[in-house]
Amino acid sequence: MKQYSIAWLALGLACWTAPAASQPKVTVSILPLQSLAAGVMAEIGEPAALIRGAGSPHSFSLRPSDARTLNASNVVFWVGPDYETFLAKPVAALAGKATVVALIRAPGVKALPAREGGAWESHNHGHSHTHKPGAVELDAHIFLDVDNAKAIVRAMAATLREVDAANGARYAANAETTIALLDALDVEMKNTLAPVARVPFVVFHDGYQYLEKRYGLNAVGSVTVSPERAPGARRLGEIRRKIERLKAACVFAEPQFDNAVVGTVLEGSAARRGLLDYIGSDQPPGPDAYFGMMRGLARSLAGCLAG
């Protein structure tokens, strides 16, 4: 049994109380958020994730079953309308029927400005943005920073205490347990990544800024910023020259997308091919999934960059 599963089992045995007769129906957009919500809801209920497996928020479409799940929800957690654009209209239709929380605006979450220019192109994921003139576009991959994950856990617990006061103490206790596990994960990630922190690499799309900044990683560019749009010849040439000039050790593909273009970028290069799964597509839903995803990212980065 995984160490995190053991921690959750210990929590359940120590704090178990009979669940309320009617638990809130909670729906989240992506697996990393589902995992954090599952930790907060341990022994009370199981949140549902709309995107499962290798699905990506960049290209997902709601199925009829997903729409039914969403419409039956009391609480919905998502990053926000500039990330899961497929949810913008369905969430708007839930006004007054469910509590909807855009976690990019949650207290304590620190969102970074989106990168653009040079090796990062223009940070347009193919989404329909509605920013005010002069507004700074934010990088929505907030969940890849452990401090943001802790803020997300606190926001989830606060929301659930309001919706389900009978289990309020339990949500608070579960949140503190989850935060303690996140602190331990952070130390583990730092130890794993420190030896390769200075090694240059290229990612498939610009989705790892939070991970890079937290652990001092040396990403020097992305193959594409919009995963739905194939990069042109000029772009590929630019990345090839950057790989050669900076002696980038690895170019990382992603399981959510057609990565044939990564092979094209690597032609004639000494760089190695790696794989980064920023959404945990190989993880089963539940409180362990976030930890498995983050540890998987650390192992993939360290394994490829160390050669």
C-alpha atoms as a PDB file:
ATOM      1  CA  MET A   1       0.000   0.000   0.000  1.00  0.00           C
ATOM      2  CA  LYS A   2       1.315   3.482  -0.851  1.00  0.00           C
ATOM      3  CA  GLN A   3       2.583   5.689   1.949  1.00  0.00           C
ATOM      4  CA  TYR A   4      -0.142   8.270   1.258  1.00  0.00           C
ATOM      5  CA  SER A   5      -2.849   5.605   1.324  1.00  0.00           C
ATOM      6  CA  ILE A   6      -1.537   4.494   4.730  1.00  0.00           C
ATOM      7  CA  ALA A   7      -1.793   8.073   5.954  1.00  0.00           C
ATOM      8  CA  TRP A   8      -5.396   8.323   4.811  1.00  0.00           C
ATOM      9  CA  LEU A   9      -6.243   4.958   6.407  1.00  0.00           C
ATOM     10  CA  ALA A  10      -4.722   6.091   9.679  1.00  0.00           C
ATOM     11  CA  LEU A  11      -6.751   9.291   9.515  1.00  0.00           C
ATOM     12  CA  GLY A  12      -9.934   7.336   8.895  1.00  0.00           C
ATOM     13  CA  LEU A  13      -9.374   4.943  11.821  1.00  0.00           C
ATOM     14  CA  ALA A  14      -8.473   7.756  14.182  1.00  0.00           C
ATOM     15  CA  CYS A  15     -11.260  10.168  13.268  1.00  0.00           C
ATOM     16  CA  TRP A  16     -14.052   8.093  11.788  1.00  0.00           C
ATOM     17  CA  THR A  17     -17.578   9.268  12.430  1.00  0.00           C
ATOM     18  CA  ALA A  18     -20.760   8.185  10.746  1.00  0.00           C
ATOM     19  CA  PRO A  19     -21.245  10.254   7.586  1.00  0.00           C
ATOM     20  CA  ALA A  20     -24.167  12.599   7.317  1.00  0.00           C
ATOM     21  CA  ALA A  21     -27.306  11.198   5.763  1.00  0.00           C
ATOM     22  CA  SER A  22     -26.928  13.466   2.757  1.00  0.00           C
ATOM     23  CA  GLN A  23     -23.407  14.318   1.601  1.00  0.00           C
ATOM     24  CA  PRO A  24     -22.849  17.164  -0.857  1.00  0.00           C
ATOM     25  CA  LYS A  25     -22.452  16.126  -4.480  1.00  0.00           C
ATOM     26  CA  VAL A  26     -19.114  17.582  -5.530  1.00  0.00           C
ATOM     27  CA  THR A  27     -17.831  17.762  -9.111  1.00  0.00           C
ATOM     28  CA  VAL A  28     -14.360  18.910 -10.150  1.00  0.00           C
ATOM     29  CA  SER A  29     -12.930  19.562 -13.583  1.00  0.00           C
ATOM     30  CA  ILE A  30      -9.576  17.743 -13.600  1.00  0.00           C
ATOM     31  CA  LEU A  31      -7.923  14.884 -11.711  1.00  0.00           C
ATOM     32  CA  PRO A  32      -5.400  16.946  -9.691  1.00  0.00           C
ATOM     33  CA  LEU A  33      -8.285  18.949  -8.217  1.00  0.00           C
ATOM     34  CA  GLN A  34     -10.372  15.799  -7.739  1.00  0.00           C
ATOM     35  CA  SER A  35      -7.532  14.311  -5.725  1.00  0.00           C
ATOM     36  CA  LEU A  36      -7.204  17.319  -3.436  1.00  0.00           C
ATOM     37  CA  ALA A  37     -10.985  17.419  -2.951  1.00  0.00           C
ATOM     38  CA  ALA A  38     -10.997  13.675  -2.205  1.00  0.00           C
ATOM     39  CA  GLY A  39      -8.490  14.294   0.568  1.00  0.00           C
ATOM     40  CA  VAL A  40     -10.683  16.993   2.101  1.00  0.00           C
ATOM     41  CA  MET A  41     -13.750  14.723   1.770  1.00  0.00           C
ATOM     42  CA  ALA A  42     -12.112  11.550   3.140  1.00  0.00           C
ATOM     43  CA  GLU A  43     -14.667   9.261   4.857  1.00  0.00           C
ATOM     44  CA  ILE A  44     -17.479  11.663   3.902  1.00  0.00           C
ATOM     45  CA  GLY A  45     -17.966  11.436   0.142  1.00  0.00           C
ATOM     46  CA  GLU A  46     -16.244  11.010  -3.221  1.00  0.00           C
ATOM     47  CA  PRO A  47     -15.949  13.946  -5.627  1.00  0.00           C
ATOM     48  CA  ALA A  48     -16.471  13.255  -9.333  1.00  0.00           C
ATOM     49  CA  ALA A  49     -13.927  14.310 -11.980  1.00  0.00           C
ATOM     50  CA  LEU A  50     -15.172  15.367 -15.408  1.00  0.00           C
ATOM     51  CA  ILE A  51     -11.845  14.787 -17.216  1.00  0.00           C
ATOM     52  CA  ARG A  52     -10.402  11.325 -16.708  1.00  0.00           C
ATOM     53  CA  GLY A  53      -7.560   9.348 -18.225  1.00  0.00           C
ATOM     54  CA  ALA A  54      -5.679  11.090 -21.034  1.00  0.00           C
ATOM     55  CA  GLY A  55      -8.312  13.788 -21.561  1.00  0.00           C
ATOM     56  CA  SER A  56      -7.055  17.371 -21.584  1.00  0.00           C
ATOM     57  CA  PRO A  57      -8.813  20.590 -20.533  1.00  0.00           C
ATOM     58  CA  HIS A  58      -7.373  22.118 -23.717  1.00  0.00           C
ATOM     59  CA  SER A  59      -9.581  19.952 -25.942  1.00  0.00           C
ATOM     60  CA  PHE A  60     -12.288  18.338 -23.779  1.00  0.00           C
ATOM     61  CA  SER A  61     -16.003  18.287 -24.621  1.00  0.00           C
ATOM     62  CA  LEU A  62     -18.741  17.411 -22.153  1.00  0.00           C
ATOM     63  CA  ARG A  63     -20.523  14.113 -22.708  1.00  0.00           C
ATOM     64  CA  PRO A  64     -24.237  13.761 -21.807  1.00  0.00           C
ATOM     65  CA  SER A  65     -23.258  11.777 -18.693  1.00  0.00           C
ATOM     66  CA  ASP A  66     -20.878  14.568 -17.670  1.00  0.00           C
ATOM     67  CA  ALA A  67     -23.637  17.144 -18.100  1.00  0.00           C
ATOM     68  CA  ARG A  68     -25.923  15.087 -15.863  1.00  0.00           C
ATOM     69  CA  THR A  69     -23.215  14.821 -13.204  1.00  0.00           C
ATOM     70  CA  LEU A  70     -22.607  18.555 -13.359  1.00  0.00           C
ATOM     71  CA  ASN A  71     -26.302  19.439 -13.169  1.00  0.00           C
ATOM     72  CA  ALA A  72     -26.747  17.244 -10.087  1.00  0.00           C
ATOM     73  CA  SER A  73     -23.876  18.920  -8.233  1.00  0.00           C
ATOM     74  CA  ASN A  74     -24.110  20.977  -5.080  1.00  0.00           C
ATOM     75  CA  VAL A  75     -20.493  22.154  -5.396  1.00  0.00           C
ATOM     76  CA  VAL A  76     -18.246  22.589  -8.459  1.00  0.00           C
ATOM     77  CA  PHE A  77     -14.502  23.229  -8.254  1.00  0.00           C
ATOM     78  CA  TRP A  78     -12.575  24.302 -11.352  1.00  0.00           C
ATOM     79  CA  VAL A  79      -9.506  26.395 -12.152  1.00  0.00           C
ATOM     80  CA  GLY A  80     -11.523  29.019 -14.016  1.00  0.00           C
ATOM     81  CA  PRO A  81     -13.036  30.057 -17.345  1.00  0.00           C
ATOM     82  CA  ASP A  82      -9.715  30.678 -19.114  1.00  0.00           C
ATOM     83  CA  TYR A  83      -8.558  27.103 -18.506  1.00  0.00           C
ATOM     84  CA  GLU A  84     -11.559  24.772 -18.714  1.00  0.00           C
ATOM     85  CA  THR A  85     -13.351  26.791 -21.409  1.00  0.00           C
ATOM     86  CA  PHE A  86     -15.670  23.864 -22.080  1.00  0.00           C
ATOM     87  CA  LEU A  87     -17.190  24.499 -18.639  1.00  0.00           C
ATOM     88  CA  ALA A  88     -17.861  28.224 -18.947  1.00  0.00           C
ATOM     89  CA  LYS A  89     -21.425  27.994 -20.263  1.00  0.00           C
ATOM     90  CA  PRO A  90     -22.509  24.928 -18.229  1.00  0.00           C
ATOM     91  CA  VAL A  91     -21.197  26.573 -15.049  1.00  0.00           C
ATOM     92  CA  ALA A  92     -23.016  29.805 -15.848  1.00  0.00           C
ATOM     93  CA  ALA A  93     -26.228  27.774 -16.161  1.00  0.00           C
ATOM     94  CA  LEU A  94     -25.710  26.500 -12.596  1.00  0.00           C
ATOM     95  CA  ALA A  95     -26.063  29.990 -11.106  1.00  0.00           C
ATOM     96  CA  GLY A  96     -28.217  29.747  -8.011  1.00  0.00           C
ATOM     97  CA  LYS A  97     -28.300  25.946  -8.153  1.00  0.00           C
ATOM     98  CA  ALA A  98     -24.775  25.099  -6.988  1.00  0.00           C
ATOM     99  CA  THR A  99     -21.771  26.677  -5.303  1.00  0.00           C
ATOM    100  CA  VAL A 100     -19.136  27.180  -8.005  1.00  0.00           C
ATOM    101  CA  VAL A 101     -15.544  28.001  -7.014  1.00  0.00           C
ATOM    102  CA  ALA A 102     -12.942  29.210  -9.531  1.00  0.00           C
ATOM    103  CA  LEU A 103      -9.797  28.198  -7.674  1.00  0.00           C
ATOM    104  CA  ILE A 104      -7.463  30.537  -9.551  1.00  0.00           C
ATOM    105  CA  ARG A 105      -9.168  33.281  -7.529  1.00  0.00           C
ATOM    106  CA  ALA A 106      -9.118  31.419  -4.207  1.00  0.00           C
ATOM    107  CA  PRO A 107      -7.470  33.136  -1.206  1.00  0.00           C
ATOM    108  CA  GLY A 108      -3.782  32.294  -1.020  1.00  0.00           C
ATOM    109  CA  VAL A 109      -3.440  31.072  -4.606  1.00  0.00           C
ATOM    110  CA  LYS A 110      -0.608  32.926  -6.339  1.00  0.00           C
ATOM    111  CA  ALA A 111      -1.132  32.970 -10.090  1.00  0.00           C
ATOM    112  CA  LEU A 112       1.840  33.781 -12.301  1.00  0.00           C
ATOM    113  CA  PRO A 113       1.604  35.937 -15.427  1.00  0.00           C
ATOM    114  CA  ALA A 114       1.586  33.894 -18.619  1.00  0.00           C
ATOM    115  CA  ARG A 115       4.895  33.862 -20.476  1.00  0.00           C
ATOM    116  CA  GLU A 116       5.087  35.021 -24.047  1.00  0.00           C
ATOM    117  CA  GLY A 117       7.635  36.029 -26.602  1.00  0.00           C
ATOM    118  CA  GLY A 118      10.736  34.290 -27.873  1.00  0.00           C
ATOM    119  CA  ALA A 119      10.899  30.653 -26.856  1.00  0.00           C
ATOM    120  CA  TRP A 120       7.413  30.811 -25.359  1.00  0.00           C
ATOM    121  CA  GLU A 121       5.502  32.387 -28.289  1.00  0.00           C
ATOM    122  CA  SER A 122       2.211  34.024 -27.358  1.00  0.00           C
ATOM    123  CA  HIS A 123       0.501  32.255 -24.465  1.00  0.00           C
ATOM    124  CA  ASN A 124      -2.807  31.520 -26.199  1.00  0.00           C
ATOM    125  CA  HIS A 125      -4.107  28.036 -25.538  1.00  0.00           C
ATOM    126  CA  GLY A 126      -6.734  28.365 -28.209  1.00  0.00           C
ATOM    127  CA  HIS A 127      -9.139  29.529 -25.540  1.00  0.00           C
ATOM    128  CA  SER A 128     -11.711  32.253 -25.889  1.00  0.00           C
ATOM    129  CA  HIS A 129     -10.369  34.927 -23.559  1.00  0.00           C
ATOM    130  CA  THR A 130     -12.473  37.791 -22.293  1.00  0.00           C
ATOM    131  CA  HIS A 131      -9.777  39.856 -20.580  1.00  0.00           C
ATOM    132  CA  LYS A 132     -10.237  43.563 -20.105  1.00  0.00           C
ATOM    133  CA  PRO A 133      -7.888  45.741 -22.149  1.00  0.00           C
ATOM    134  CA  GLY A 134      -4.534  45.951 -20.400  1.00  0.00           C
ATOM    135  CA  ALA A 135      -5.285  42.996 -18.095  1.00  0.00           C
ATOM    136  CA  VAL A 136      -2.447  40.559 -17.451  1.00  0.00           C
ATOM    137  CA  GLU A 137      -3.158  37.053 -18.712  1.00  0.00           C
ATOM    138  CA  LEU A 138      -2.496  34.450 -16.028  1.00  0.00           C
ATOM    139  CA  ASP A 139      -0.942  30.997 -16.295  1.00  0.00           C
ATOM    140  CA  ALA A 140      -3.747  28.674 -15.213  1.00  0.00           C
ATOM    141  CA  HIS A 141      -1.615  25.632 -14.257  1.00  0.00           C
ATOM    142  CA  ILE A 142      -1.771  26.764 -10.636  1.00  0.00           C
ATOM    143  CA  PHE A 143      -2.021  23.240  -9.193  1.00  0.00           C
ATOM    144  CA  LEU A 144       1.619  22.445 -10.083  1.00  0.00           C
ATOM    145  CA  ASP A 145       2.827  24.610  -7.183  1.00  0.00           C
ATOM    146  CA  VAL A 146       2.525  22.846  -3.817  1.00  0.00           C
ATOM    147  CA  ASP A 147       1.838  26.116  -1.983  1.00  0.00           C
ATOM    148  CA  ASN A 148      -1.073  26.719  -4.354  1.00  0.00           C
ATOM    149  CA  ALA A 149      -2.261  23.171  -3.726  1.00  0.00           C
ATOM    150  CA  LYS A 150      -2.355  23.927  -0.008  1.00  0.00           C
ATOM    151  CA  ALA A 151      -4.348  27.112  -0.639  1.00  0.00           C
ATOM    152  CA  ILE A 152      -6.724  25.115  -2.848  1.00  0.00           C
ATOM    153  CA  VAL A 153      -7.226  22.565  -0.062  1.00  0.00           C
ATOM    154  CA  ARG A 154      -8.060  25.336   2.400  1.00  0.00           C
ATOM    155  CA  ALA A 155     -10.524  26.904  -0.041  1.00  0.00           C
ATOM    156  CA  MET A 156     -12.203  23.553  -0.666  1.00  0.00           C
ATOM    157  CA  ALA A 157     -12.525  22.867   3.055  1.00  0.00           C
ATOM    158  CA  ALA A 158     -13.993  26.331   3.699  1.00  0.00           C
ATOM    159  CA  THR A 159     -16.548  25.885   0.898  1.00  0.00           C
ATOM    160  CA  LEU A 160     -17.562  22.418   2.070  1.00  0.00           C
ATOM    161  CA  ARG A 161     -17.941  23.575   5.672  1.00  0.00           C
ATOM    162  CA  GLU A 162     -20.425  26.186   4.473  1.00  0.00           C
ATOM    163  CA  VAL A 163     -22.376  23.706   2.367  1.00  0.00           C
ATOM    164  CA  ASP A 164     -22.235  20.824   4.855  1.00  0.00           C
ATOM    165  CA  ALA A 165     -21.857  22.272   8.348  1.00  0.00           C
ATOM    166  CA  ALA A 166     -22.602  18.908   9.996  1.00  0.00           C
ATOM    167  CA  ASN A 167     -19.252  17.601   8.729  1.00  0.00           C
ATOM    168  CA  GLY A 168     -17.397  20.900   9.133  1.00  0.00           C
ATOM    169  CA  ALA A 169     -14.942  19.670  11.762  1.00  0.00           C
ATOM    170  CA  ARG A 170     -14.109  16.655   9.648  1.00  0.00           C
ATOM    171  CA  TYR A 171     -13.402  18.756   6.545  1.00  0.00           C
ATOM    172  CA  ALA A 172     -11.081  20.955   8.610  1.00  0.00           C
ATOM    173  CA  ALA A 173      -9.201  17.967  10.038  1.00  0.00           C
ATOM    174  CA  ASN A 174      -8.898  16.330   6.621  1.00  0.00           C
ATOM    175  CA  ALA A 175      -7.558  19.578   5.170  1.00  0.00           C
ATOM    176  CA  GLU A 176      -4.830  19.773   7.816  1.00  0.00           C
ATOM    177  CA  THR A 177      -3.827  16.156   7.125  1.00  0.00           C
ATOM    178  CA  THR A 178      -3.680  16.858   3.397  1.00  0.00           C
ATOM    179  CA  ILE A 179      -1.564  19.970   3.956  1.00  0.00           C
ATOM    180  CA  ALA A 180       0.877  17.999   6.107  1.00  0.00           C
ATOM    181  CA  LEU A 181       1.226  15.436   3.317  1.00  0.00           C
ATOM    182  CA  LEU A 182       1.779  18.240   0.796  1.00  0.00           C
ATOM    183  CA  ASP A 183       4.572  19.653   2.969  1.00  0.00           C
ATOM    184  CA  ALA A 184       6.262  16.241   2.985  1.00  0.00           C
ATOM    185  CA  LEU A 185       5.785  15.947  -0.789  1.00  0.00           C
ATOM    186  CA  ASP A 186       7.415  19.340  -1.298  1.00  0.00           C
ATOM    187  CA  VAL A 187      10.563  18.220   0.550  1.00  0.00           C
ATOM    188  CA  GLU A 188      10.661  15.021  -1.495  1.00  0.00           C
ATOM    189  CA  MET A 189      10.286  16.934  -4.764  1.00  0.00           C
ATOM    190  CA  LYS A 190      13.087  19.338  -3.826  1.00  0.00           C
ATOM    191  CA  ASN A 191      15.425  16.466  -3.001  1.00  0.00           C
ATOM    192  CA  THR A 192      14.618  14.644  -6.246  1.00  0.00           C
ATOM    193  CA  LEU A 193      14.994  17.663  -8.522  1.00  0.00           C
ATOM    194  CA  ALA A 194      17.893  19.535  -6.917  1.00  0.00           C
ATOM    195  CA  PRO A 195      20.617  17.496  -8.715  1.00  0.00           C
ATOM    196  CA  VAL A 196      19.206  18.391 -12.173  1.00  0.00           C
ATOM    197  CA  ALA A 197      17.987  21.932 -11.469  1.00  0.00           C
ATOM    198  CA  ARG A 198      20.465  23.600 -13.842  1.00  0.00           C
ATOM    199  CA  VAL A 199      20.115  21.175 -16.757  1.00  0.00           C
ATOM    200  CA  PRO A 200      18.351  22.843 -19.739  1.00  0.00           C
ATOM    201  CA  PHE A 201      15.296  21.190 -21.315  1.00  0.00           C
ATOM    202  CA  VAL A 202      12.354  21.862 -23.627  1.00  0.00           C
ATOM    203  CA  VAL A 203       8.708  21.016 -22.862  1.00  0.00           C
ATOM    204  CA  PHE A 204       5.947  20.208 -25.336  1.00  0.00           C
ATOM    205  CA  HIS A 205       3.702  23.070 -24.251  1.00  0.00           C
ATOM    206  CA  ASP A 206       4.182  25.866 -21.757  1.00  0.00           C
ATOM    207  CA  GLY A 207       2.399  24.247 -18.839  1.00  0.00           C
ATOM    208  CA  TYR A 208       5.134  23.806 -16.223  1.00  0.00           C
ATOM    209  CA  GLN A 209       6.078  27.324 -15.158  1.00  0.00           C
ATOM    210  CA  TYR A 210       4.926  26.759 -11.571  1.00  0.00           C
ATOM    211  CA  LEU A 211       6.980  23.580 -11.234  1.00  0.00           C
ATOM    212  CA  GLU A 212      10.020  25.276 -12.785  1.00  0.00           C
ATOM    213  CA  LYS A 213       9.928  28.292 -10.496  1.00  0.00           C
ATOM    214  CA  ARG A 214       9.316  26.327  -7.311  1.00  0.00           C
ATOM    215  CA  TYR A 215      12.189  23.917  -7.854  1.00  0.00           C
ATOM    216  CA  GLY A 216      14.560  26.141  -9.822  1.00  0.00           C
ATOM    217  CA  LEU A 217      14.332  24.132 -13.033  1.00  0.00           C
ATOM    218  CA  ASN A 218      15.898  25.311 -16.281  1.00  0.00           C
ATOM    219  CA  ALA A 219      13.218  25.055 -18.978  1.00  0.00           C
ATOM    220  CA  VAL A 220      14.418  27.013 -22.021  1.00  0.00           C
ATOM    221  CA  GLY A 221      11.329  26.866 -24.236  1.00  0.00           C
ATOM    222  CA  SER A 222       8.319  24.923 -25.466  1.00  0.00           C
ATOM    223  CA  VAL A 223       7.662  23.202 -28.780  1.00  0.00           C
ATOM    224  CA  THR A 224       4.229  24.839 -28.829  1.00  0.00           C
ATOM    225  CA  VAL A 225       2.182  26.994 -26.481  1.00  0.00           C
ATOM    226  CA  SER A 226      -1.187  25.967 -27.908  1.00  0.00           C
ATOM    227  CA  PRO A 227      -1.407  22.155 -27.853  1.00  0.00           C
ATOM    228  CA  GLU A 228      -4.227  22.227 -30.421  1.00  0.00           C
ATOM    229  CA  ARG A 229      -2.135  24.101 -33.004  1.00  0.00           C
ATOM    230  CA  ALA A 230       0.822  22.471 -34.750  1.00  0.00           C
ATOM    231  CA  PRO A 231       3.958  24.645 -34.735  1.00  0.00           C
ATOM    232  CA  GLY A 232       5.165  25.965 -38.082  1.00  0.00           C
ATOM    233  CA  ALA A 233       8.522  25.383 -39.753  1.00  0.00           C
ATOM    234  CA  ARG A 234       9.923  28.647 -38.394  1.00  0.00           C
ATOM    235  CA  ARG A 235       8.991  27.662 -34.868  1.00  0.00           C
ATOM    236  CA  LEU A 236      10.539  24.202 -35.199  1.00  0.00           C
ATOM    237  CA  GLY A 237      13.734  25.718 -36.557  1.00  0.00           C
ATOM    238  CA  GLU A 238      13.914  28.124 -33.628  1.00  0.00           C
ATOM    239  CA  ILE A 239      13.535  25.305 -31.096  1.00  0.00           C
ATOM    240  CA  ARG A 240      16.125  23.149 -32.864  1.00  0.00           C
ATOM    241  CA  ARG A 241      18.644  25.998 -32.768  1.00  0.00           C
ATOM    242  CA  LYS A 242      17.906  26.614 -29.097  1.00  0.00           C
ATOM    243  CA  ILE A 243      18.392  22.910 -28.276  1.00  0.00           C
ATOM    244  CA  GLU A 244      21.759  22.964 -30.053  1.00  0.00           C
ATOM    245  CA  ARG A 245      22.943  26.314 -28.685  1.00  0.00           C
ATOM    246  CA  LEU A 246      22.007  25.610 -25.059  1.00  0.00           C
ATOM    247  CA  LYS A 247      22.759  21.886 -25.221  1.00  0.00           C
ATOM    248  CA  ALA A 248      19.289  21.007 -23.942  1.00  0.00           C
ATOM    249  CA  ALA A 249      19.389  17.523 -22.464  1.00  0.00           C
ATOM    250  CA  CYS A 250      15.761  16.539 -23.078  1.00  0.00           C
ATOM    251  CA  VAL A 251      12.616  17.395 -25.011  1.00  0.00           C
ATOM    252  CA  PHE A 252       9.490  16.270 -23.155  1.00  0.00           C
ATOM    253  CA  ALA A 253       6.371  14.956 -24.878  1.00  0.00           C
ATOM    254  CA  GLU A 254       2.932  14.620 -23.207  1.00  0.00           C
ATOM    255  CA  PRO A 255       0.501  11.664 -23.269  1.00  0.00           C
ATOM    256  CA  GLN A 256      -2.503  13.949 -23.887  1.00  0.00           C
ATOM    257  CA  PHE A 257      -1.402  15.058 -27.352  1.00  0.00           C
ATOM    258  CA  ASP A 258      -0.037  13.829 -30.670  1.00  0.00           C
ATOM    259  CA  ASN A 259       3.656  14.254 -30.082  1.00  0.00           C
ATOM    260  CA  ALA A 260       4.993  13.364 -33.556  1.00  0.00           C
ATOM    261  CA  VAL A 261       6.330  16.900 -33.724  1.00  0.00           C
ATOM    262  CA  VAL A 262       8.654  16.126 -30.784  1.00  0.00           C
ATOM    263  CA  GLY A 263      10.364  13.501 -32.935  1.00  0.00           C
ATOM    264  CA  THR A 264      10.763  16.098 -35.669  1.00  0.00           C
ATOM    265  CA  VAL A 265      12.377  18.553 -33.251  1.00  0.00           C
ATOM    266  CA  LEU A 266      14.776  15.858 -32.029  1.00  0.00           C
ATOM    267  CA  GLU A 267      16.006  14.871 -35.500  1.00  0.00           C
ATOM    268  CA  GLY A 268      19.775  15.314 -35.681  1.00  0.00           C
ATOM    269  CA  SER A 269      19.938  16.303 -32.009  1.00  0.00           C
ATOM    270  CA  ALA A 270      21.746  14.659 -29.113  1.00  0.00           C
ATOM    271  CA  ALA A 271      18.852  15.555 -26.794  1.00  0.00           C
ATOM    272  CA  ARG A 272      16.865  12.742 -25.232  1.00  0.00           C
ATOM    273  CA  ARG A 273      13.083  12.287 -25.359  1.00  0.00           C
ATOM    274  CA  GLY A 274      11.155  12.301 -22.093  1.00  0.00           C
ATOM    275  CA  LEU A 275       7.486  12.269 -21.070  1.00  0.00           C
ATOM    276  CA  LEU A 276       5.672  14.619 -18.686  1.00  0.00           C
ATOM    277  CA  ASP A 277       2.081  13.990 -17.599  1.00  0.00           C
ATOM    278  CA  TYR A 278       0.906  17.295 -16.123  1.00  0.00           C
ATOM    279  CA  ILE A 279      -2.599  16.056 -15.326  1.00  0.00           C
ATOM    280  CA  GLY A 280      -1.960  12.562 -13.940  1.00  0.00           C
ATOM    281  CA  SER A 281      -3.660  10.568 -16.699  1.00  0.00           C
ATOM    282  CA  ASP A 282      -2.209   7.299 -15.373  1.00  0.00           C
ATOM    283  CA  GLN A 283      -3.453   7.856 -11.811  1.00  0.00           C
ATOM    284  CA  PRO A 284      -6.701   6.391 -10.440  1.00  0.00           C
ATOM    285  CA  PRO A 285      -8.988   9.034  -8.891  1.00  0.00           C
ATOM    286  CA  GLY A 286      -8.670   9.567  -5.162  1.00  0.00           C
ATOM    287  CA  PRO A 287      -6.562  11.322  -2.528  1.00  0.00           C
ATOM    288  CA  ASP A 288      -3.310   9.673  -3.688  1.00  0.00           C
ATOM    289  CA  ALA A 289      -3.577  10.853  -7.316  1.00  0.00           C
ATOM    290  CA  TYR A 290      -2.124  14.339  -6.843  1.00  0.00           C
ATOM    291  CA  PHE A 291       0.874  12.934  -5.014  1.00  0.00           C
ATOM    292  CA  GLY A 292       1.399  10.234  -7.636  1.00  0.00           C
ATOM    293  CA  MET A 293       1.203  12.812 -10.428  1.00  0.00           C
ATOM    294  CA  MET A 294       3.724  15.164  -8.821  1.00  0.00           C
ATOM    295  CA  ARG A 295       6.144  12.404  -7.927  1.00  0.00           C
ATOM    296  CA  GLY A 296       5.806  11.084 -11.487  1.00  0.00           C
ATOM    297  CA  LEU A 297       6.750  14.499 -12.872  1.00  0.00           C
ATOM    298  CA  ALA A 298       9.784  14.648 -10.580  1.00  0.00           C
ATOM    299  CA  ARG A 299      10.925  11.156 -11.543  1.00  0.00           C
ATOM    300  CA  SER A 300      10.492  11.834 -15.264  1.00  0.00           C
ATOM    301  CA  LEU A 301      12.427  15.084 -15.094  1.00  0.00           C
ATOM    302  CA  ALA A 302      15.223  13.720 -12.929  1.00  0.00           C
ATOM    303  CA  GLY A 303      15.524  10.496 -14.927  1.00  0.00           C
ATOM    304  CA  CYS A 304      15.824  12.167 -18.322  1.00  0.00           C
ATOM    305  CA  LEU A 305      17.876  15.183 -17.286  1.00  0.00           C
ATOM    306  CA  ALA A 306      20.409  13.109 -15.352  1.00  0.00           C
ATOM    307  CA  GLY A 307      21.020  11.028 -18.497  1.00  0.00           C
END
